[in-house]
Amino acid sequence: MPAFAQTEEDGYFAARNAASAELKQMAQDPEYNPTKDLGKPELFTPAFRREYDRRRRDVEATMRDVLGPLPPLPGFSKAGVLNPALCCYGRFGALDGLSYEGQGGNRIIVSTPSLVEHWLNESTDFWSIDKKPSSDLSILFTTPSFYLWARASDWGVEKLVDLPIGLTDNASAIGAFLASAQPGANWIALSVAKGSKVYVSFFKARTPAQPIAACDGAPPAAYRDCWARQVKDQPWFADLLLEVVSLADSLPE
């Protein structure tokens, strides 16, 4: 039987898994981790961090091959870095892709549909098999915990209200909602499948969400329910939708 050609994604997973295995082994060596305590990466030696960085750059290069050319993303850093950590600390287990940072904690991860599917099947540390999130991207993209698991957010995410914008140009799946997360204020969670890429973003809303007078005086839980019911009728809600559409339209295929 002829051998099947290795895809670029196969090459990425092979490189990632090999680097992770090597680093886990090194983390048990007193030369790199004198305490042998895997739960205290701050005690790993500078030599370990140098070896980690070297392997990360190599694996990052294979991810760039998977994603192909990517023009600058407005409002985010020009160069993305490997989103998942390779070992022991940081974003270990995060969604495979490149992560781009913006001001104030804004972040966007660039991945692919097949990388997302592989990650959902692989990341059993986050969920039991009977509670795995939907692989339907339009549902996954509106699941608050997805943004923490993928590491688009470093904090827990709570949905306030969906932002229904429909499919933007050339998008095959999209999901967006106004969210609450630490530290502070209002955030927009937006994920888009467009062409061969998937974008997972979490960024501060430029449009401030305002109190709603009709809900004043209600207990906190009742106020939240009232606010969610009435927010779509507020004059500033359309500006939130425009923020989402603007970013979604700017993302390259």
C-alpha atoms as a PDB file:
ATOM      1  CA  MET A   1       0.000   0.000   0.000  1.00  0.00           C
ATOM      2  CA  PRO A   2       1.336   3.497  -0.786  1.00  0.00           C
ATOM      3  CA  ALA A   3       2.221   5.653   2.200  1.00  0.00           C
ATOM      4  CA  PHE A   4      -0.121   8.548   2.853  1.00  0.00           C
ATOM      5  CA  ALA A   5       1.489  11.978   2.478  1.00  0.00           C
ATOM      6  CA  GLN A   6       1.919  13.846   5.715  1.00  0.00           C
ATOM      7  CA  THR A   7      -0.075  17.068   5.855  1.00  0.00           C
ATOM      8  CA  GLU A   8       1.287  20.281   7.325  1.00  0.00           C
ATOM      9  CA  GLU A   9      -1.049  19.810  10.292  1.00  0.00           C
ATOM     10  CA  ASP A  10       0.334  16.280  10.812  1.00  0.00           C
ATOM     11  CA  GLY A  11       3.824  17.793  10.823  1.00  0.00           C
ATOM     12  CA  TYR A  12       2.735  20.369  13.382  1.00  0.00           C
ATOM     13  CA  PHE A  13       1.269  17.773  15.747  1.00  0.00           C
ATOM     14  CA  ALA A  14       4.367  15.590  15.424  1.00  0.00           C
ATOM     15  CA  ALA A  15       6.632  18.557  16.234  1.00  0.00           C
ATOM     16  CA  ARG A  16       4.405  19.744  19.098  1.00  0.00           C
ATOM     17  CA  ASN A  17       4.117  16.324  20.713  1.00  0.00           C
ATOM     18  CA  ALA A  18       7.841  15.584  20.392  1.00  0.00           C
ATOM     19  CA  ALA A  19       8.788  18.948  21.913  1.00  0.00           C
ATOM     20  CA  SER A  20       6.286  18.516  24.743  1.00  0.00           C
ATOM     21  CA  ALA A  21       7.591  15.027  25.576  1.00  0.00           C
ATOM     22  CA  GLU A  22      11.205  16.250  25.601  1.00  0.00           C
ATOM     23  CA  LEU A  23      10.377  19.206  27.841  1.00  0.00           C
ATOM     24  CA  LYS A  24       8.383  17.077  30.285  1.00  0.00           C
ATOM     25  CA  GLN A  25      11.370  14.757  30.574  1.00  0.00           C
ATOM     26  CA  MET A  26      13.744  17.676  31.084  1.00  0.00           C
ATOM     27  CA  ALA A  27      11.465  19.130  33.769  1.00  0.00           C
ATOM     28  CA  GLN A  28      12.207  16.067  35.902  1.00  0.00           C
ATOM     29  CA  ASP A  29      15.984  16.523  35.597  1.00  0.00           C
ATOM     30  CA  PRO A  30      17.662  18.400  38.507  1.00  0.00           C
ATOM     31  CA  GLU A  31      19.781  20.283  35.973  1.00  0.00           C
ATOM     32  CA  TYR A  32      16.632  22.007  34.734  1.00  0.00           C
ATOM     33  CA  ASN A  33      14.338  21.691  37.739  1.00  0.00           C
ATOM     34  CA  PRO A  34      16.265  21.277  41.008  1.00  0.00           C
ATOM     35  CA  THR A  35      13.106  20.672  43.057  1.00  0.00           C
ATOM     36  CA  LYS A  36      11.587  18.206  40.553  1.00  0.00           C
ATOM     37  CA  ASP A  37       8.297  19.883  41.458  1.00  0.00           C
ATOM     38  CA  LEU A  38       6.360  20.209  38.189  1.00  0.00           C
ATOM     39  CA  GLY A  39       3.845  22.436  39.936  1.00  0.00           C
ATOM     40  CA  LYS A  40       6.376  25.220  40.511  1.00  0.00           C
ATOM     41  CA  PRO A  41       7.667  26.302  37.088  1.00  0.00           C
ATOM     42  CA  GLU A  42       8.985  29.527  38.616  1.00  0.00           C
ATOM     43  CA  LEU A  43      11.761  27.370  40.133  1.00  0.00           C
ATOM     44  CA  PHE A  44      12.837  25.910  36.780  1.00  0.00           C
ATOM     45  CA  THR A  45      16.322  27.058  35.795  1.00  0.00           C
ATOM     46  CA  PRO A  46      17.187  29.636  33.096  1.00  0.00           C
ATOM     47  CA  ALA A  47      18.648  26.735  31.107  1.00  0.00           C
ATOM     48  CA  PHE A  48      15.208  25.101  30.987  1.00  0.00           C
ATOM     49  CA  ARG A  49      13.582  28.323  29.816  1.00  0.00           C
ATOM     50  CA  ARG A  50      16.164  28.680  27.044  1.00  0.00           C
ATOM     51  CA  GLU A  51      15.486  25.126  25.887  1.00  0.00           C
ATOM     52  CA  TYR A  52      11.755  25.764  26.112  1.00  0.00           C
ATOM     53  CA  ASP A  53      11.999  28.929  24.008  1.00  0.00           C
ATOM     54  CA  ARG A  54      14.090  27.182  21.356  1.00  0.00           C
ATOM     55  CA  ARG A  55      11.552  24.376  20.971  1.00  0.00           C
ATOM     56  CA  ARG A  56       8.652  26.807  21.032  1.00  0.00           C
ATOM     57  CA  ARG A  57      10.133  28.759  18.120  1.00  0.00           C
ATOM     58  CA  ASP A  58      10.573  25.549  16.129  1.00  0.00           C
ATOM     59  CA  VAL A  59       6.977  24.429  16.738  1.00  0.00           C
ATOM     60  CA  GLU A  60       5.732  27.952  16.072  1.00  0.00           C
ATOM     61  CA  ALA A  61       7.365  27.821  12.641  1.00  0.00           C
ATOM     62  CA  THR A  62       5.405  24.672  11.774  1.00  0.00           C
ATOM     63  CA  MET A  63       2.188  26.412  12.841  1.00  0.00           C
ATOM     64  CA  ARG A  64       2.966  29.317  10.506  1.00  0.00           C
ATOM     65  CA  ASP A  65       3.281  26.778   7.693  1.00  0.00           C
ATOM     66  CA  VAL A  66      -0.158  25.395   8.599  1.00  0.00           C
ATOM     67  CA  LEU A  67      -1.840  28.817   8.599  1.00  0.00           C
ATOM     68  CA  GLY A  68      -0.049  30.208   5.585  1.00  0.00           C
ATOM     69  CA  PRO A  69       0.474  33.923   4.883  1.00  0.00           C
ATOM     70  CA  LEU A  70      -1.513  36.196   7.168  1.00  0.00           C
ATOM     71  CA  PRO A  71      -1.676  39.981   6.735  1.00  0.00           C
ATOM     72  CA  PRO A  72      -1.613  42.243   9.822  1.00  0.00           C
ATOM     73  CA  LEU A  73      -4.746  42.086  11.966  1.00  0.00           C
ATOM     74  CA  PRO A  74      -5.980  45.611  12.782  1.00  0.00           C
ATOM     75  CA  GLY A  75      -5.506  46.469  16.450  1.00  0.00           C
ATOM     76  CA  PHE A  76      -3.349  43.432  17.256  1.00  0.00           C
ATOM     77  CA  SER A  77       0.381  42.706  17.352  1.00  0.00           C
ATOM     78  CA  LYS A  78       2.067  42.149  14.002  1.00  0.00           C
ATOM     79  CA  ALA A  79       3.649  38.826  15.003  1.00  0.00           C
ATOM     80  CA  GLY A  80       1.630  36.076  16.620  1.00  0.00           C
ATOM     81  CA  VAL A  81       3.078  33.550  19.044  1.00  0.00           C
ATOM     82  CA  LEU A  82       2.256  29.891  19.555  1.00  0.00           C
ATOM     83  CA  ASN A  83      -0.976  29.816  21.560  1.00  0.00           C
ATOM     84  CA  PRO A  84      -0.643  26.513  23.473  1.00  0.00           C
ATOM     85  CA  ALA A  85       2.205  26.016  25.925  1.00  0.00           C
ATOM     86  CA  LEU A  86       4.376  22.977  25.223  1.00  0.00           C
ATOM     87  CA  CYS A  87       4.820  21.870  28.794  1.00  0.00           C
ATOM     88  CA  CYS A  88       4.141  22.337  32.423  1.00  0.00           C
ATOM     89  CA  TYR A  89       2.751  25.848  32.758  1.00  0.00           C
ATOM     90  CA  GLY A  90       1.117  28.776  30.983  1.00  0.00           C
ATOM     91  CA  ARG A  91      -1.477  27.905  28.337  1.00  0.00           C
ATOM     92  CA  PHE A  92      -0.859  24.159  28.294  1.00  0.00           C
ATOM     93  CA  GLY A  93      -3.786  22.535  26.475  1.00  0.00           C
ATOM     94  CA  ALA A  94      -4.940  25.751  24.797  1.00  0.00           C
ATOM     95  CA  LEU A  95      -6.322  25.819  21.258  1.00  0.00           C
ATOM     96  CA  ASP A  96      -3.664  25.145  18.613  1.00  0.00           C
ATOM     97  CA  GLY A  97      -2.974  28.296  16.642  1.00  0.00           C
ATOM     98  CA  LEU A  98      -1.170  31.623  16.819  1.00  0.00           C
ATOM     99  CA  SER A  99      -2.144  34.212  19.421  1.00  0.00           C
ATOM    100  CA  TYR A 100      -2.046  37.949  18.707  1.00  0.00           C
ATOM    101  CA  GLU A 101      -2.191  40.468  21.544  1.00  0.00           C
ATOM    102  CA  GLY A 102      -3.860  43.874  21.621  1.00  0.00           C
ATOM    103  CA  GLN A 103      -4.039  46.668  24.169  1.00  0.00           C
ATOM    104  CA  GLY A 104      -5.758  46.139  27.496  1.00  0.00           C
ATOM    105  CA  GLY A 105      -5.880  42.350  27.325  1.00  0.00           C
ATOM    106  CA  ASN A 106      -7.459  42.119  23.859  1.00  0.00           C
ATOM    107  CA  ARG A 107      -6.507  38.885  22.097  1.00  0.00           C
ATOM    108  CA  ILE A 108      -7.241  37.000  18.894  1.00  0.00           C
ATOM    109  CA  ILE A 109      -6.264  33.406  18.104  1.00  0.00           C
ATOM    110  CA  VAL A 110      -5.914  32.251  14.513  1.00  0.00           C
ATOM    111  CA  SER A 111      -6.526  28.545  13.941  1.00  0.00           C
ATOM    112  CA  THR A 112      -8.241  26.270  11.385  1.00  0.00           C
ATOM    113  CA  PRO A 113     -11.476  24.224  11.460  1.00  0.00           C
ATOM    114  CA  SER A 114      -9.561  20.928  11.584  1.00  0.00           C
ATOM    115  CA  LEU A 115      -7.284  22.179  14.379  1.00  0.00           C
ATOM    116  CA  VAL A 116     -10.383  23.147  16.370  1.00  0.00           C
ATOM    117  CA  GLU A 117     -11.893  19.705  15.791  1.00  0.00           C
ATOM    118  CA  HIS A 118      -8.672  17.968  16.832  1.00  0.00           C
ATOM    119  CA  TRP A 119      -8.422  20.145  19.940  1.00  0.00           C
ATOM    120  CA  LEU A 120     -12.006  19.366  20.989  1.00  0.00           C
ATOM    121  CA  ASN A 121     -11.292  15.646  20.757  1.00  0.00           C
ATOM    122  CA  GLU A 122      -7.920  15.890  22.487  1.00  0.00           C
ATOM    123  CA  SER A 123      -8.500  18.286  25.377  1.00  0.00           C
ATOM    124  CA  THR A 124     -10.220  15.922  27.790  1.00  0.00           C
ATOM    125  CA  ASP A 125      -8.543  17.673  30.733  1.00  0.00           C
ATOM    126  CA  PHE A 126     -11.157  20.416  30.367  1.00  0.00           C
ATOM    127  CA  TRP A 127     -14.295  18.333  30.113  1.00  0.00           C
ATOM    128  CA  SER A 128     -15.530  14.777  30.518  1.00  0.00           C
ATOM    129  CA  ILE A 129     -16.441  12.945  27.329  1.00  0.00           C
ATOM    130  CA  ASP A 130     -20.167  13.329  28.044  1.00  0.00           C
ATOM    131  CA  LYS A 131     -19.840  17.107  28.508  1.00  0.00           C
ATOM    132  CA  LYS A 132     -17.644  17.949  25.537  1.00  0.00           C
ATOM    133  CA  PRO A 133     -18.781  21.180  23.836  1.00  0.00           C
ATOM    134  CA  SER A 134     -20.578  20.977  20.539  1.00  0.00           C
ATOM    135  CA  SER A 135     -18.387  20.573  17.461  1.00  0.00           C
ATOM    136  CA  ASP A 136     -20.948  22.680  15.565  1.00  0.00           C
ATOM    137  CA  LEU A 137     -18.953  25.884  15.243  1.00  0.00           C
ATOM    138  CA  SER A 138     -21.984  28.158  15.342  1.00  0.00           C
ATOM    139  CA  ILE A 139     -22.841  26.696  18.769  1.00  0.00           C
ATOM    140  CA  LEU A 140     -19.260  26.429  20.028  1.00  0.00           C
ATOM    141  CA  PHE A 141     -18.633  30.080  19.187  1.00  0.00           C
ATOM    142  CA  THR A 142     -21.429  31.183  21.544  1.00  0.00           C
ATOM    143  CA  THR A 143     -20.257  28.964  24.444  1.00  0.00           C
ATOM    144  CA  PRO A 144     -18.676  31.228  27.104  1.00  0.00           C
ATOM    145  CA  SER A 145     -16.273  28.629  28.506  1.00  0.00           C
ATOM    146  CA  PHE A 146     -14.824  28.064  25.014  1.00  0.00           C
ATOM    147  CA  TYR A 147     -13.051  31.432  25.237  1.00  0.00           C
ATOM    148  CA  LEU A 148     -11.332  30.481  28.492  1.00  0.00           C
ATOM    149  CA  TRP A 149     -10.430  26.941  27.387  1.00  0.00           C
ATOM    150  CA  ALA A 150      -9.064  28.211  24.079  1.00  0.00           C
ATOM    151  CA  ARG A 151      -7.236  30.949  26.009  1.00  0.00           C
ATOM    152  CA  ALA A 152      -8.707  33.869  24.135  1.00  0.00           C
ATOM    153  CA  SER A 153      -9.394  35.084  27.685  1.00  0.00           C
ATOM    154  CA  ASP A 154      -7.274  34.553  30.784  1.00  0.00           C
ATOM    155  CA  TRP A 155     -10.369  34.912  32.947  1.00  0.00           C
ATOM    156  CA  GLY A 156     -13.692  33.159  33.310  1.00  0.00           C
ATOM    157  CA  VAL A 157     -16.250  34.458  30.810  1.00  0.00           C
ATOM    158  CA  GLU A 158     -19.903  35.152  31.528  1.00  0.00           C
ATOM    159  CA  LYS A 159     -22.315  35.852  28.705  1.00  0.00           C
ATOM    160  CA  LEU A 160     -24.490  38.943  29.132  1.00  0.00           C
ATOM    161  CA  VAL A 161     -26.376  38.921  25.842  1.00  0.00           C
ATOM    162  CA  ASP A 162     -25.918  37.501  22.351  1.00  0.00           C
ATOM    163  CA  LEU A 163     -24.939  39.898  19.572  1.00  0.00           C
ATOM    164  CA  PRO A 164     -26.912  38.628  16.570  1.00  0.00           C
ATOM    165  CA  ILE A 165     -25.225  39.875  13.408  1.00  0.00           C
ATOM    166  CA  GLY A 166     -25.875  36.987  11.018  1.00  0.00           C
ATOM    167  CA  LEU A 167     -23.190  35.693   8.672  1.00  0.00           C
ATOM    168  CA  THR A 168     -20.835  38.414   7.473  1.00  0.00           C
ATOM    169  CA  ASP A 169     -19.189  38.302   4.043  1.00  0.00           C
ATOM    170  CA  ASN A 170     -17.415  35.003   3.292  1.00  0.00           C
ATOM    171  CA  ALA A 171     -17.999  33.600   6.803  1.00  0.00           C
ATOM    172  CA  SER A 172     -19.266  30.031   7.145  1.00  0.00           C
ATOM    173  CA  ALA A 173     -19.891  30.240  10.917  1.00  0.00           C
ATOM    174  CA  ILE A 174     -19.956  33.098  13.387  1.00  0.00           C
ATOM    175  CA  GLY A 175     -20.851  33.667  17.021  1.00  0.00           C
ATOM    176  CA  ALA A 176     -20.667  36.777  19.182  1.00  0.00           C
ATOM    177  CA  PHE A 177     -21.887  37.973  22.541  1.00  0.00           C
ATOM    178  CA  LEU A 178     -21.370  40.762  25.047  1.00  0.00           C
ATOM    179  CA  ALA A 179     -19.495  39.324  28.011  1.00  0.00           C
ATOM    180  CA  SER A 180     -18.368  40.087  31.515  1.00  0.00           C
ATOM    181  CA  ALA A 181     -14.858  39.081  32.623  1.00  0.00           C
ATOM    182  CA  GLN A 182     -12.057  40.224  34.900  1.00  0.00           C
ATOM    183  CA  PRO A 183     -10.660  42.756  35.100  1.00  0.00           C
ATOM    184  CA  GLY A 184     -13.662  44.997  34.891  1.00  0.00           C
ATOM    185  CA  ALA A 185     -15.925  46.107  32.159  1.00  0.00           C
ATOM    186  CA  ASN A 186     -17.657  44.838  29.099  1.00  0.00           C
ATOM    187  CA  TRP A 187     -16.019  42.543  26.573  1.00  0.00           C
ATOM    188  CA  ILE A 188     -17.012  41.210  23.187  1.00  0.00           C
ATOM    189  CA  ALA A 189     -16.476  37.532  22.426  1.00  0.00           C
ATOM    190  CA  LEU A 190     -16.361  36.925  18.676  1.00  0.00           C
ATOM    191  CA  SER A 191     -15.414  33.828  16.703  1.00  0.00           C
ATOM    192  CA  VAL A 192     -15.525  33.517  12.930  1.00  0.00           C
ATOM    193  CA  ALA A 193     -14.825  30.666  10.503  1.00  0.00           C
ATOM    194  CA  LYS A 194     -13.793  32.258   7.235  1.00  0.00           C
ATOM    195  CA  GLY A 195     -12.198  30.355   4.376  1.00  0.00           C
ATOM    196  CA  SER A 196      -9.479  28.063   5.721  1.00  0.00           C
ATOM    197  CA  LYS A 197      -9.157  29.884   9.041  1.00  0.00           C
ATOM    198  CA  VAL A 198     -10.913  30.201  12.378  1.00  0.00           C
ATOM    199  CA  TYR A 199     -10.578  33.402  14.423  1.00  0.00           C
ATOM    200  CA  VAL A 200     -11.321  33.393  18.157  1.00  0.00           C
ATOM    201  CA  SER A 201     -11.245  36.874  19.680  1.00  0.00           C
ATOM    202  CA  PHE A 202     -11.969  38.456  23.032  1.00  0.00           C
ATOM    203  CA  PHE A 203     -11.674  42.228  23.269  1.00  0.00           C
ATOM    204  CA  LYS A 204     -12.937  45.196  25.242  1.00  0.00           C
ATOM    205  CA  ALA A 205     -16.014  46.855  23.806  1.00  0.00           C
ATOM    206  CA  ARG A 206     -15.401  50.454  22.756  1.00  0.00           C
ATOM    207  CA  THR A 207     -19.103  51.175  23.259  1.00  0.00           C
ATOM    208  CA  PRO A 208     -19.835  51.330  27.016  1.00  0.00           C
ATOM    209  CA  ALA A 209     -22.856  49.320  28.114  1.00  0.00           C
ATOM    210  CA  GLN A 210     -25.151  51.655  30.025  1.00  0.00           C
ATOM    211  CA  PRO A 211     -27.509  51.051  32.952  1.00  0.00           C
ATOM    212  CA  ILE A 212     -31.136  50.634  31.948  1.00  0.00           C
ATOM    213  CA  ALA A 213     -33.537  52.806  33.920  1.00  0.00           C
ATOM    214  CA  ALA A 214     -36.441  50.364  33.601  1.00  0.00           C
ATOM    215  CA  CYS A 215     -34.416  47.823  35.609  1.00  0.00           C
ATOM    216  CA  ASP A 216     -33.378  50.162  38.436  1.00  0.00           C
ATOM    217  CA  GLY A 217     -34.205  48.956  41.934  1.00  0.00           C
ATOM    218  CA  ALA A 218     -34.316  45.267  41.053  1.00  0.00           C
ATOM    219  CA  PRO A 219     -32.187  42.787  43.034  1.00  0.00           C
ATOM    220  CA  PRO A 220     -28.902  41.877  41.276  1.00  0.00           C
ATOM    221  CA  ALA A 221     -30.137  38.644  39.665  1.00  0.00           C
ATOM    222  CA  ALA A 222     -33.412  40.200  38.562  1.00  0.00           C
ATOM    223  CA  TYR A 223     -31.575  43.284  37.301  1.00  0.00           C
ATOM    224  CA  ARG A 224     -29.336  41.103  35.127  1.00  0.00           C
ATOM    225  CA  ASP A 225     -32.382  39.337  33.626  1.00  0.00           C
ATOM    226  CA  CYS A 226     -34.172  42.635  33.047  1.00  0.00           C
ATOM    227  CA  TRP A 227     -31.058  44.191  31.484  1.00  0.00           C
ATOM    228  CA  ALA A 228     -30.593  41.240  29.104  1.00  0.00           C
ATOM    229  CA  ARG A 229     -34.235  41.458  27.981  1.00  0.00           C
ATOM    230  CA  GLN A 230     -34.181  45.189  27.344  1.00  0.00           C
ATOM    231  CA  VAL A 231     -30.633  45.799  26.075  1.00  0.00           C
ATOM    232  CA  LYS A 232     -31.471  45.237  22.402  1.00  0.00           C
ATOM    233  CA  ASP A 233     -33.876  48.187  22.535  1.00  0.00           C
ATOM    234  CA  GLN A 234     -31.223  50.621  23.792  1.00  0.00           C
ATOM    235  CA  PRO A 235     -29.905  53.243  21.356  1.00  0.00           C
ATOM    236  CA  TRP A 236     -26.254  52.242  21.943  1.00  0.00           C
ATOM    237  CA  PHE A 237     -26.822  48.539  21.193  1.00  0.00           C
ATOM    238  CA  ALA A 238     -26.485  49.116  17.441  1.00  0.00           C
ATOM    239  CA  ASP A 239     -22.969  50.480  18.032  1.00  0.00           C
ATOM    240  CA  LEU A 240     -21.986  47.192  19.693  1.00  0.00           C
ATOM    241  CA  LEU A 241     -23.213  45.300  16.661  1.00  0.00           C
ATOM    242  CA  LEU A 242     -21.210  47.587  14.376  1.00  0.00           C
ATOM    243  CA  GLU A 243     -18.041  46.847  16.386  1.00  0.00           C
ATOM    244  CA  VAL A 244     -18.534  43.116  15.830  1.00  0.00           C
ATOM    245  CA  VAL A 245     -19.334  43.459  12.126  1.00  0.00           C
ATOM    246  CA  SER A 246     -16.353  45.753  11.603  1.00  0.00           C
ATOM    247  CA  LEU A 247     -13.858  43.260  13.056  1.00  0.00           C
ATOM    248  CA  ALA A 248     -15.469  40.241  11.408  1.00  0.00           C
ATOM    249  CA  ASP A 249     -15.371  41.915   7.982  1.00  0.00           C
ATOM    250  CA  SER A 250     -11.709  42.915   8.430  1.00  0.00           C
ATOM    251  CA  LEU A 251     -10.498  39.344   9.018  1.00  0.00           C
ATOM    252  CA  PRO A 252      -8.752  37.806   5.991  1.00  0.00           C
ATOM    253  CA  GLU A 253      -9.757  34.438   4.533  1.00  0.00           C
END
